[in-house]
Amino acid sequence: DFDFDKSIFMYPNPAKDVLNFTNKDNIEFNNIVISDIAGKELLNINSGLSNNEINVSNLQSGVYFIKFVSEGKSIVKKFIKE
């Protein structure tokens, strides 16, 4: 959904230890999934999503995809880990 896509902004990108995101429409997320470029799920967060930050310090440097899921809708965004 295009509006859902515009509701979420991630920063900094590239990220070093923490990836922050803004949720301008206050969408309630069921979970957030981080995958590598091969599609392997590396992190699935389904609690504590209210602080709008994700610790990515344990990920190796590279390109990752993050999927925000809410009530049957999802949006995938790309980020780079330094």
PDB file of N, CA and C in Angstrom:
ATOM      1  N   ASP A   1       0.848  -1.176   0.000  1.00  0.00           N
ATOM      2  CA  ASP A   1       0.000   0.000   0.000  1.00  0.00           C
ATOM      3  C   ASP A   1       0.888   1.233   0.000  1.00  0.00           C
ATOM      4  N   PHE A   2       0.660   2.148  -0.930  1.00  0.00           N
ATOM      5  CA  PHE A   2       1.528   3.297  -1.106  1.00  0.00           C
ATOM      6  C   PHE A   2       1.547   4.201   0.118  1.00  0.00           C
ATOM      7  N   ASP A   3       0.391   4.445   0.747  1.00  0.00           N
ATOM      8  CA  ASP A   3       0.345   5.296   1.925  1.00  0.00           C
ATOM      9  C   ASP A   3       1.120   4.685   3.079  1.00  0.00           C
ATOM     10  N   PHE A   4       1.030   3.377   3.218  1.00  0.00           N
ATOM     11  CA  PHE A   4       1.771   2.671   4.256  1.00  0.00           C
ATOM     12  C   PHE A   4       3.271   2.859   4.040  1.00  0.00           C
ATOM     13  N   ASP A   5       3.715   2.808   2.787  1.00  0.00           N
ATOM     14  CA  ASP A   5       5.121   2.999   2.446  1.00  0.00           C
ATOM     15  C   ASP A   5       5.599   4.392   2.853  1.00  0.00           C
ATOM     16  N   LYS A   6       4.784   5.411   2.622  1.00  0.00           N
ATOM     17  CA  LYS A   6       5.170   6.783   2.954  1.00  0.00           C
ATOM     18  C   LYS A   6       5.118   7.061   4.449  1.00  0.00           C
ATOM     19  N   SER A   7       4.510   6.191   5.225  1.00  0.00           N
ATOM     20  CA  SER A   7       4.387   6.406   6.668  1.00  0.00           C
ATOM     21  C   SER A   7       5.671   6.080   7.426  1.00  0.00           C
ATOM     22  N   ILE A   8       6.546   5.306   6.806  1.00  0.00           N
ATOM     23  CA  ILE A   8       7.736   4.820   7.498  1.00  0.00           C
ATOM     24  C   ILE A   8       8.987   5.409   6.864  1.00  0.00           C
ATOM     25  N   PHE A   9       9.844   6.007   7.694  1.00  0.00           N
ATOM     26  CA  PHE A   9      11.125   6.538   7.250  1.00  0.00           C
ATOM     27  C   PHE A   9      12.208   5.972   8.158  1.00  0.00           C
ATOM     28  N   MET A  10      13.261   5.422   7.567  1.00  0.00           N
ATOM     29  CA  MET A  10      14.359   4.821   8.351  1.00  0.00           C
ATOM     30  C   MET A  10      15.608   5.697   8.268  1.00  0.00           C
ATOM     31  N   TYR A  11      16.338   5.749   9.359  1.00  0.00           N
ATOM     32  CA  TYR A  11      17.590   6.508   9.410  1.00  0.00           C
ATOM     33  C   TYR A  11      18.446   5.979  10.545  1.00  0.00           C
ATOM     34  N   PRO A  12      19.732   6.136  10.579  1.00  0.00           N
ATOM     35  CA  PRO A  12      20.549   6.517   9.426  1.00  0.00           C
ATOM     36  C   PRO A  12      20.648   5.340   8.456  1.00  0.00           C
ATOM     37  N   ASN A  13      20.878   5.631   7.239  1.00  0.00           N
ATOM     38  CA  ASN A  13      21.060   4.584   6.240  1.00  0.00           C
ATOM     39  C   ASN A  13      22.198   5.010   5.334  1.00  0.00           C
ATOM     40  N   PRO A  14      23.375   4.442   5.505  1.00  0.00           N
ATOM     41  CA  PRO A  14      23.706   3.207   6.220  1.00  0.00           C
ATOM     42  C   PRO A  14      23.704   3.365   7.741  1.00  0.00           C
ATOM     43  N   ALA A  15      23.397   2.258   8.414  1.00  0.00           N
ATOM     44  CA  ALA A  15      23.340   2.210   9.877  1.00  0.00           C
ATOM     45  C   ALA A  15      24.587   1.525  10.420  1.00  0.00           C
ATOM     46  N   LYS A  16      24.971   1.917  11.624  1.00  0.00           N
ATOM     47  CA  LYS A  16      26.137   1.293  12.252  1.00  0.00           C
ATOM     48  C   LYS A  16      25.699   0.308  13.332  1.00  0.00           C
ATOM     49  N   ASP A  17      25.065   0.784  14.391  1.00  0.00           N
ATOM     50  CA  ASP A  17      24.637  -0.073  15.498  1.00  0.00           C
ATOM     51  C   ASP A  17      23.127  -0.079  15.693  1.00  0.00           C
ATOM     52  N   VAL A  18      22.487   1.059  15.401  1.00  0.00           N
ATOM     53  CA  VAL A  18      21.051   1.198  15.615  1.00  0.00           C
ATOM     54  C   VAL A  18      20.402   1.756  14.362  1.00  0.00           C
ATOM     55  N   LEU A  19      19.302   1.148  13.966  1.00  0.00           N
ATOM     56  CA  LEU A  19      18.492   1.640  12.853  1.00  0.00           C
ATOM     57  C   LEU A  19      17.218   2.217  13.457  1.00  0.00           C
ATOM     58  N   ASN A  20      17.008   3.504  13.256  1.00  0.00           N
ATOM     59  CA  ASN A  20      15.821   4.176  13.764  1.00  0.00           C
ATOM     60  C   ASN A  20      14.779   4.265  12.659  1.00  0.00           C
ATOM     61  N   PHE A  21      13.533   4.349  13.050  1.00  0.00           N
ATOM     62  CA  PHE A  21      12.488   4.577  12.062  1.00  0.00           C
ATOM     63  C   PHE A  21      11.409   5.464  12.656  1.00  0.00           C
ATOM     64  N   THR A  22      10.832   6.283  11.787  1.00  0.00           N
ATOM     65  CA  THR A  22       9.694   7.095  12.189  1.00  0.00           C
ATOM     66  C   THR A  22       8.446   6.448  11.612  1.00  0.00           C
ATOM     67  N   ASN A  23       7.393   6.602  12.331  1.00  0.00           N
ATOM     68  CA  ASN A  23       6.116   5.994  11.982  1.00  0.00           C
ATOM     69  C   ASN A  23       5.093   7.115  12.064  1.00  0.00           C
ATOM     70  N   LYS A  24       5.052   7.955  11.016  1.00  0.00           N
ATOM     71  CA  LYS A  24       4.297   9.206  11.099  1.00  0.00           C
ATOM     72  C   LYS A  24       2.796   9.018  11.266  1.00  0.00           C
ATOM     73  N   ASP A  25       2.259   7.868  10.875  1.00  0.00           N
ATOM     74  CA  ASP A  25       0.828   7.623  11.028  1.00  0.00           C
ATOM     75  C   ASP A  25       0.510   6.756  12.242  1.00  0.00           C
ATOM     76  N   ASN A  26       1.511   6.534  13.110  1.00  0.00           N
ATOM     77  CA  ASN A  26       1.358   5.737  14.326  1.00  0.00           C
ATOM     78  C   ASN A  26       0.727   4.366  14.051  1.00  0.00           C
ATOM     79  N   ILE A  27       1.230   3.717  13.028  1.00  0.00           N
ATOM     80  CA  ILE A  27       0.764   2.378  12.671  1.00  0.00           C
ATOM     81  C   ILE A  27       1.257   1.401  13.730  1.00  0.00           C
ATOM     82  N   GLU A  28       0.390   0.502  14.144  1.00  0.00           N
ATOM     83  CA  GLU A  28       0.780  -0.517  15.115  1.00  0.00           C
ATOM     84  C   GLU A  28       1.297  -1.732  14.354  1.00  0.00           C
ATOM     85  N   PHE A  29       2.579  -2.047  14.542  1.00  0.00           N
ATOM     86  CA  PHE A  29       3.202  -3.165  13.835  1.00  0.00           C
ATOM     87  C   PHE A  29       2.994  -4.468  14.588  1.00  0.00           C
ATOM     88  N   ASN A  30       2.652  -5.526  13.846  1.00  0.00           N
ATOM     89  CA  ASN A  30       2.581  -6.857  14.434  1.00  0.00           C
ATOM     90  C   ASN A  30       3.989  -7.412  14.619  1.00  0.00           C
ATOM     91  N   ASN A  31       4.833  -7.198  13.617  1.00  0.00           N
ATOM     92  CA  ASN A  31       6.231  -7.581  13.741  1.00  0.00           C
ATOM     93  C   ASN A  31       7.059  -6.893  12.670  1.00  0.00           C
ATOM     94  N   ILE A  32       8.371  -6.978  12.863  1.00  0.00           N
ATOM     95  CA  ILE A  32       9.352  -6.440  11.935  1.00  0.00           C
ATOM     96  C   ILE A  32      10.346  -7.564  11.669  1.00  0.00           C
ATOM     97  N   VAL A  33      10.614  -7.818  10.386  1.00  0.00           N
ATOM     98  CA  VAL A  33      11.500  -8.916  10.002  1.00  0.00           C
ATOM     99  C   VAL A  33      12.665  -8.354   9.201  1.00  0.00           C
ATOM    100  N   ILE A  34      13.894  -8.741   9.584  1.00  0.00           N
ATOM    101  CA  ILE A  34      15.083  -8.361   8.829  1.00  0.00           C
ATOM    102  C   ILE A  34      15.616  -9.603   8.140  1.00  0.00           C
ATOM    103  N   SER A  35      15.862  -9.459   6.826  1.00  0.00           N
ATOM    104  CA  SER A  35      16.372 -10.562   6.011  1.00  0.00           C
ATOM    105  C   SER A  35      17.612 -10.104   5.254  1.00  0.00           C
ATOM    106  N   ASP A  36      18.466 -11.070   4.902  1.00  0.00           N
ATOM    107  CA  ASP A  36      19.614 -10.740   4.067  1.00  0.00           C
ATOM    108  C   ASP A  36      19.188 -10.734   2.600  1.00  0.00           C
ATOM    109  N   ILE A  37      20.129 -10.453   1.701  1.00  0.00           N
ATOM    110  CA  ILE A  37      19.762 -10.331   0.288  1.00  0.00           C
ATOM    111  C   ILE A  37      19.365 -11.673  -0.329  1.00  0.00           C
ATOM    112  N   ALA A  38      19.719 -12.777   0.326  1.00  0.00           N
ATOM    113  CA  ALA A  38      19.311 -14.103  -0.149  1.00  0.00           C
ATOM    114  C   ALA A  38      17.907 -14.471   0.335  1.00  0.00           C
ATOM    115  N   GLY A  39      17.325 -13.620   1.197  1.00  0.00           N
ATOM    116  CA  GLY A  39      15.987 -13.872   1.712  1.00  0.00           C
ATOM    117  C   GLY A  39      15.958 -14.624   3.026  1.00  0.00           C
ATOM    118  N   LYS A  40      17.127 -14.902   3.600  1.00  0.00           N
ATOM    119  CA  LYS A  40      17.195 -15.625   4.879  1.00  0.00           C
ATOM    120  C   LYS A  40      16.792 -14.687   6.015  1.00  0.00           C
ATOM    121  N   GLU A  41      15.807 -15.111   6.806  1.00  0.00           N
ATOM    122  CA  GLU A  41      15.337 -14.310   7.930  1.00  0.00           C
ATOM    123  C   GLU A  41      16.376 -14.334   9.042  1.00  0.00           C
ATOM    124  N   LEU A  42      16.837 -13.158   9.456  1.00  0.00           N
ATOM    125  CA  LEU A  42      17.875 -13.048  10.477  1.00  0.00           C
ATOM    126  C   LEU A  42      17.344 -12.560  11.812  1.00  0.00           C
ATOM    127  N   LEU A  43      16.282 -11.778  11.763  1.00  0.00           N
ATOM    128  CA  LEU A  43      15.751 -11.176  12.987  1.00  0.00           C
ATOM    129  C   LEU A  43      14.254 -10.991  12.815  1.00  0.00           C
ATOM    130  N   ASN A  44      13.492 -11.439  13.816  1.00  0.00           N
ATOM    131  CA  ASN A  44      12.045 -11.273  13.794  1.00  0.00           C
ATOM    132  C   ASN A  44      11.653 -10.660  15.129  1.00  0.00           C
ATOM    133  N   ILE A  45      11.221  -9.423  15.078  1.00  0.00           N
ATOM    134  CA  ILE A  45      10.890  -8.678  16.298  1.00  0.00           C
ATOM    135  C   ILE A  45       9.372  -8.556  16.378  1.00  0.00           C
ATOM    136  N   ASN A  46       8.792  -9.055  17.466  1.00  0.00           N
ATOM    137  CA  ASN A  46       7.341  -8.928  17.607  1.00  0.00           C
ATOM    138  C   ASN A  46       6.942  -8.362  18.965  1.00  0.00           C
ATOM    139  N   SER A  47       7.906  -7.816  19.677  1.00  0.00           N
ATOM    140  CA  SER A  47       7.588  -7.143  20.935  1.00  0.00           C
ATOM    141  C   SER A  47       8.553  -5.984  21.122  1.00  0.00           C
ATOM    142  N   GLY A  48       8.138  -5.001  21.891  1.00  0.00           N
ATOM    143  CA  GLY A  48       8.989  -3.848  22.159  1.00  0.00           C
ATOM    144  C   GLY A  48       9.202  -2.956  20.958  1.00  0.00           C
ATOM    145  N   LEU A  49       8.194  -2.833  20.112  1.00  0.00           N
ATOM    146  CA  LEU A  49       8.337  -2.040  18.901  1.00  0.00           C
ATOM    147  C   LEU A  49       8.020  -0.561  19.111  1.00  0.00           C
ATOM    148  N   SER A  50       7.691  -0.179  20.307  1.00  0.00           N
ATOM    149  CA  SER A  50       7.253   1.196  20.548  1.00  0.00           C
ATOM    150  C   SER A  50       8.395   2.204  20.582  1.00  0.00           C
ATOM    151  N   ASN A  51       9.646   1.747  20.745  1.00  0.00           N
ATOM    152  CA  ASN A  51      10.740   2.710  20.867  1.00  0.00           C
ATOM    153  C   ASN A  51      11.306   3.148  19.517  1.00  0.00           C
ATOM    154  N   ASN A  52      10.826   2.560  18.408  1.00  0.00           N
ATOM    155  CA  ASN A  52      11.202   2.967  17.058  1.00  0.00           C
ATOM    156  C   ASN A  52      12.695   2.880  16.773  1.00  0.00           C
ATOM    157  N   GLU A  53      13.349   1.908  17.381  1.00  0.00           N
ATOM    158  CA  GLU A  53      14.744   1.657  17.054  1.00  0.00           C
ATOM    159  C   GLU A  53      15.023   0.167  17.100  1.00  0.00           C
ATOM    160  N   ILE A  54      15.937  -0.253  16.224  1.00  0.00           N
ATOM    161  CA  ILE A  54      16.288  -1.662  16.108  1.00  0.00           C
ATOM    162  C   ILE A  54      17.792  -1.782  16.235  1.00  0.00           C
ATOM    163  N   ASN A  55      18.235  -2.642  17.130  1.00  0.00           N
ATOM    164  CA  ASN A  55      19.662  -2.885  17.299  1.00  0.00           C
ATOM    165  C   ASN A  55      20.144  -3.785  16.169  1.00  0.00           C
ATOM    166  N   VAL A  56      21.028  -3.262  15.319  1.00  0.00           N
ATOM    167  CA  VAL A  56      21.573  -4.034  14.201  1.00  0.00           C
ATOM    168  C   VAL A  56      23.071  -4.281  14.369  1.00  0.00           C
ATOM    169  N   SER A  57      23.583  -4.060  15.574  1.00  0.00           N
ATOM    170  CA  SER A  57      25.022  -4.187  15.801  1.00  0.00           C
ATOM    171  C   SER A  57      25.531  -5.611  15.588  1.00  0.00           C
ATOM    172  N   ASN A  58      24.664  -6.610  15.734  1.00  0.00           N
ATOM    173  CA  ASN A  58      25.100  -7.999  15.568  1.00  0.00           C
ATOM    174  C   ASN A  58      25.111  -8.454  14.112  1.00  0.00           C
ATOM    175  N   LEU A  59      24.623  -7.621  13.190  1.00  0.00           N
ATOM    176  CA  LEU A  59      24.637  -7.965  11.773  1.00  0.00           C
ATOM    177  C   LEU A  59      25.985  -7.627  11.153  1.00  0.00           C
ATOM    178  N   GLN A  60      26.413  -8.434  10.182  1.00  0.00           N
ATOM    179  CA  GLN A  60      27.635  -8.134   9.449  1.00  0.00           C
ATOM    180  C   GLN A  60      27.364  -7.000   8.471  1.00  0.00           C
ATOM    181  N   SER A  61      28.412  -6.357   7.993  1.00  0.00           N
ATOM    182  CA  SER A  61      28.267  -5.297   7.005  1.00  0.00           C
ATOM    183  C   SER A  61      27.632  -5.865   5.740  1.00  0.00           C
ATOM    184  N   GLY A  62      26.711  -5.111   5.162  1.00  0.00           N
ATOM    185  CA  GLY A  62      26.077  -5.561   3.931  1.00  0.00           C
ATOM    186  C   GLY A  62      24.724  -4.925   3.722  1.00  0.00           C
ATOM    187  N   VAL A  63      23.992  -5.452   2.737  1.00  0.00           N
ATOM    188  CA  VAL A  63      22.664  -4.955   2.381  1.00  0.00           C
ATOM    189  C   VAL A  63      21.618  -5.886   2.981  1.00  0.00           C
ATOM    190  N   TYR A  64      20.587  -5.291   3.579  1.00  0.00           N
ATOM    191  CA  TYR A  64      19.519  -6.048   4.231  1.00  0.00           C
ATOM    192  C   TYR A  64      18.165  -5.478   3.842  1.00  0.00           C
ATOM    193  N   PHE A  65      17.144  -6.302   4.029  1.00  0.00           N
ATOM    194  CA  PHE A  65      15.773  -5.870   3.803  1.00  0.00           C
ATOM    195  C   PHE A  65      15.024  -5.951   5.117  1.00  0.00           C
ATOM    196  N   ILE A  66      14.195  -4.952   5.351  1.00  0.00           N
ATOM    197  CA  ILE A  66      13.397  -4.930   6.567  1.00  0.00           C
ATOM    198  C   ILE A  66      11.929  -4.850   6.171  1.00  0.00           C
ATOM    199  N   LYS A  67      11.131  -5.753   6.736  1.00  0.00           N
ATOM    200  CA  LYS A  67       9.706  -5.805   6.417  1.00  0.00           C
ATOM    201  C   LYS A  67       8.918  -5.406   7.649  1.00  0.00           C
ATOM    202  N   PHE A  68       8.100  -4.385   7.493  1.00  0.00           N
ATOM    203  CA  PHE A  68       7.198  -3.928   8.542  1.00  0.00           C
ATOM    204  C   PHE A  68       5.832  -4.540   8.259  1.00  0.00           C
ATOM    205  N   VAL A  69       5.262  -5.246   9.239  1.00  0.00           N
ATOM    206  CA  VAL A  69       3.985  -5.935   9.050  1.00  0.00           C
ATOM    207  C   VAL A  69       2.964  -5.367  10.018  1.00  0.00           C
ATOM    208  N   SER A  70       1.779  -5.030   9.472  1.00  0.00           N
ATOM    209  CA  SER A  70       0.695  -4.494  10.286  1.00  0.00           C
ATOM    210  C   SER A  70      -0.644  -4.901   9.697  1.00  0.00           C
ATOM    211  N   GLU A  71      -1.420  -5.642  10.447  1.00  0.00           N
ATOM    212  CA  GLU A  71      -2.796  -5.995  10.097  1.00  0.00           C
ATOM    213  C   GLU A  71      -2.947  -6.452   8.643  1.00  0.00           C
ATOM    214  N   GLY A  72      -2.144  -7.411   8.244  1.00  0.00           N
ATOM    215  CA  GLY A  72      -2.252  -7.963   6.907  1.00  0.00           C
ATOM    216  C   GLY A  72      -1.550  -7.169   5.823  1.00  0.00           C
ATOM    217  N   LYS A  73      -1.054  -5.995   6.144  1.00  0.00           N
ATOM    218  CA  LYS A  73      -0.291  -5.187   5.194  1.00  0.00           C
ATOM    219  C   LYS A  73       1.178  -5.287   5.556  1.00  0.00           C
ATOM    220  N   SER A  74       2.025  -5.196   4.550  1.00  0.00           N
ATOM    221  CA  SER A  74       3.453  -5.163   4.833  1.00  0.00           C
ATOM    222  C   SER A  74       4.151  -4.289   3.806  1.00  0.00           C
ATOM    223  N   ILE A  75       5.289  -3.756   4.206  1.00  0.00           N
ATOM    224  CA  ILE A  75       6.120  -2.963   3.312  1.00  0.00           C
ATOM    225  C   ILE A  75       7.564  -3.378   3.554  1.00  0.00           C
ATOM    226  N   VAL A  76       8.323  -3.492   2.491  1.00  0.00           N
ATOM    227  CA  VAL A  76       9.725  -3.888   2.585  1.00  0.00           C
ATOM    228  C   VAL A  76      10.580  -2.711   2.178  1.00  0.00           C
ATOM    229  N   LYS A  77      11.597  -2.440   2.986  1.00  0.00           N
ATOM    230  CA  LYS A  77      12.550  -1.382   2.687  1.00  0.00           C
ATOM    231  C   LYS A  77      13.949  -1.951   2.776  1.00  0.00           C
ATOM    232  N   LYS A  78      14.873  -1.298   2.104  1.00  0.00           N
ATOM    233  CA  LYS A  78      16.264  -1.761   2.068  1.00  0.00           C
ATOM    234  C   LYS A  78      17.112  -0.847   2.951  1.00  0.00           C
ATOM    235  N   PHE A  79      18.076  -1.438   3.655  1.00  0.00           N
ATOM    236  CA  PHE A  79      19.039  -0.624   4.386  1.00  0.00           C
ATOM    237  C   PHE A  79      20.414  -1.271   4.304  1.00  0.00           C
ATOM    238  N   ILE A  80      21.412  -0.461   4.568  1.00  0.00           N
ATOM    239  CA  ILE A  80      22.801  -0.900   4.522  1.00  0.00           C
ATOM    240  C   ILE A  80      23.352  -0.867   5.935  1.00  0.00           C
ATOM    241  N   LYS A  81      24.019  -1.942   6.316  1.00  0.00           N
ATOM    242  CA  LYS A  81      24.706  -2.010   7.619  1.00  0.00           C
ATOM    243  C   LYS A  81      26.185  -1.768   7.361  1.00  0.00           C
ATOM    244  N   GLU A  82      26.742  -0.758   8.028  1.00  0.00           N
ATOM    245  CA  GLU A  82      28.167  -0.461   7.888  1.00  0.00           C
ATOM    246  C   GLU A  82      29.010  -1.517   8.566  1.00  0.00           C
TER     247      GLU A  82
END
